[in-house]
């Protein structure tokens, strides 16, 4: 079930719970757990790695079964405990299919093509 979080934001956030991959530019990929996604960014949990405000990272995640790639800037990061950090990334480069796929997911049905 998809749940759209009700907030006054530029883009509606869609709750997720999936494994994603992310990396700093020119670094090895790591795994994280996404918490929500929108056309503007993604929130995820990272385990046992250093992430700081302003870092530029690459992300790979799925929407409706399609793998999407994005890059963005870490706009906030909060330590959850000694090992986990919750991270907010604002996209600056997003797969062109993403807005349509996210809109379909938000409505709960595919858009006609």
Protein backbone atom coordinates (compact mmCIF):
# COMPACT_ATOMS: atom_id res chain seq x y z
CA UNK A 1 0.00 0.00 0.00
CA UNK A 2 1.25 3.47 -0.88
CA UNK A 3 0.67 6.24 1.61
CA UNK A 4 1.06 9.88 0.61
CA UNK A 5 2.24 11.95 3.56
CA UNK A 6 0.14 15.06 4.03
CA UNK A 7 2.39 18.10 4.22
CA UNK A 8 2.61 21.58 2.80
CA UNK A 9 5.56 21.01 0.57
CA UNK A 10 6.36 21.83 -3.02
CA UNK A 11 6.18 18.13 -3.94
CA UNK A 12 4.00 15.49 -2.27
CA UNK A 13 6.03 12.87 -0.41
CA UNK A 14 5.31 9.21 -0.96
CA UNK A 15 6.17 6.82 1.87
CA UNK A 16 8.53 4.02 0.84
CA UNK A 17 10.39 1.23 2.53
CA UNK A 18 12.92 -0.13 0.05
CA UNK A 19 16.61 -0.78 -0.26
CA UNK A 20 18.41 1.85 -2.33
CA UNK A 21 22.02 2.33 -3.34
CA UNK A 22 23.89 5.58 -2.86
CA UNK A 23 27.43 6.84 -3.09
CA UNK A 24 29.47 9.96 -2.86
CA UNK A 25 30.72 10.99 -6.28
CA UNK A 26 33.68 8.76 -7.29
CA UNK A 27 33.18 6.40 -4.31
CA UNK A 28 31.90 2.85 -3.88
CA UNK A 29 28.16 2.29 -3.66
CA UNK A 30 26.53 1.62 -0.30
CA UNK A 31 23.05 0.45 0.64
CA UNK A 32 20.43 2.44 2.49
CA UNK A 33 16.72 2.22 3.29
CA UNK A 34 14.44 4.82 1.74
CA UNK A 35 11.67 6.32 3.88
CA UNK A 36 9.97 8.69 1.44
CA UNK A 37 10.45 10.11 -2.04
CA UNK A 38 9.13 13.02 -4.07
CA UNK A 39 10.01 14.74 -7.32
CA UNK A 40 12.20 17.05 -5.22
CA UNK A 41 14.16 14.61 -3.11
CA UNK A 42 14.49 11.45 -1.06
CA UNK A 43 14.76 10.64 2.65
CA UNK A 44 16.70 7.52 3.63
CA UNK A 45 18.59 5.81 6.43
CA UNK A 46 22.30 5.13 6.00
CA UNK A 47 24.16 2.66 8.20
CA UNK A 48 27.80 2.99 9.30
CA UNK A 49 28.94 5.73 6.95
CA UNK A 50 29.80 9.40 7.14
CA UNK A 51 27.42 11.81 5.44
CA UNK A 52 27.57 15.56 5.94
CA UNK A 53 25.53 18.59 4.97
CA UNK A 54 26.40 19.70 1.46
CA UNK A 55 27.72 16.31 0.28
CA UNK A 56 26.78 15.50 -3.31
CA UNK A 57 25.65 11.90 -3.74
CA UNK A 58 24.31 9.59 -6.44
CA UNK A 59 21.23 7.48 -5.73
CA UNK A 60 19.58 4.51 -7.42
CA UNK A 61 16.05 3.60 -6.31
CA UNK A 62 12.89 2.07 -7.72
CA UNK A 63 9.50 3.55 -8.44
CA UNK A 64 6.79 1.21 -9.71
CA UNK A 65 9.39 -1.45 -10.43
CA UNK A 66 11.58 0.82 -12.57
CA UNK A 67 15.13 1.64 -11.49
CA UNK A 68 15.77 5.39 -11.45
CA UNK A 69 18.99 7.31 -10.96
CA UNK A 70 19.43 10.72 -9.43
CA UNK A 71 22.06 12.93 -7.92
CA UNK A 72 21.53 15.51 -5.26
CA UNK A 73 22.82 17.43 -2.29
CA UNK A 74 22.45 16.40 1.34
CA UNK A 75 20.31 19.17 2.85
CA UNK A 76 20.01 17.62 6.30
CA UNK A 77 21.39 14.63 8.20
CA UNK A 78 20.38 13.45 11.67
CA UNK A 79 22.15 10.77 13.68
CA UNK A 80 19.57 8.22 14.83
CA UNK A 81 22.04 6.24 16.93
CA UNK A 82 25.73 5.29 16.91
CA UNK A 83 25.39 3.54 13.54
CA UNK A 84 22.42 5.01 11.65
CA UNK A 85 21.92 8.42 10.07
CA UNK A 86 18.71 9.70 8.52
CA UNK A 87 19.49 11.75 5.42
CA UNK A 88 17.49 14.23 3.32
CA UNK A 89 18.68 14.72 -0.26
CA UNK A 90 17.44 17.44 -2.61
CA UNK A 91 17.66 16.27 -6.22
CA UNK A 92 19.47 18.40 -8.79
CA UNK A 93 19.57 15.74 -11.50
CA UNK A 94 16.71 13.24 -11.74
CA UNK A 95 15.81 10.55 -14.25
CA UNK A 96 13.31 12.18 -16.68
CA UNK A 97 10.81 9.31 -16.13
CA UNK A 98 10.59 10.02 -12.41
CA UNK A 99 7.93 12.79 -12.34
CA UNK A 100 5.46 10.67 -14.34
CA UNK A 101 6.14 7.52 -12.30
CA UNK A 102 5.81 9.39 -9.01
CA UNK A 103 2.56 11.04 -10.14
CA UNK A 104 1.17 7.62 -11.09
CA UNK A 105 2.20 6.17 -7.75
CA UNK A 106 0.66 9.08 -5.86
CA UNK A 107 -2.66 8.56 -7.65
CA UNK A 108 -2.39 4.81 -7.30
CA UNK A 109 -2.75 4.14 -11.01
CA UNK A 110 -0.58 4.36 -14.14
CA UNK A 111 -0.89 7.36 -16.42
CA UNK A 112 -1.86 6.57 -20.02
CA UNK A 113 1.13 6.89 -22.35
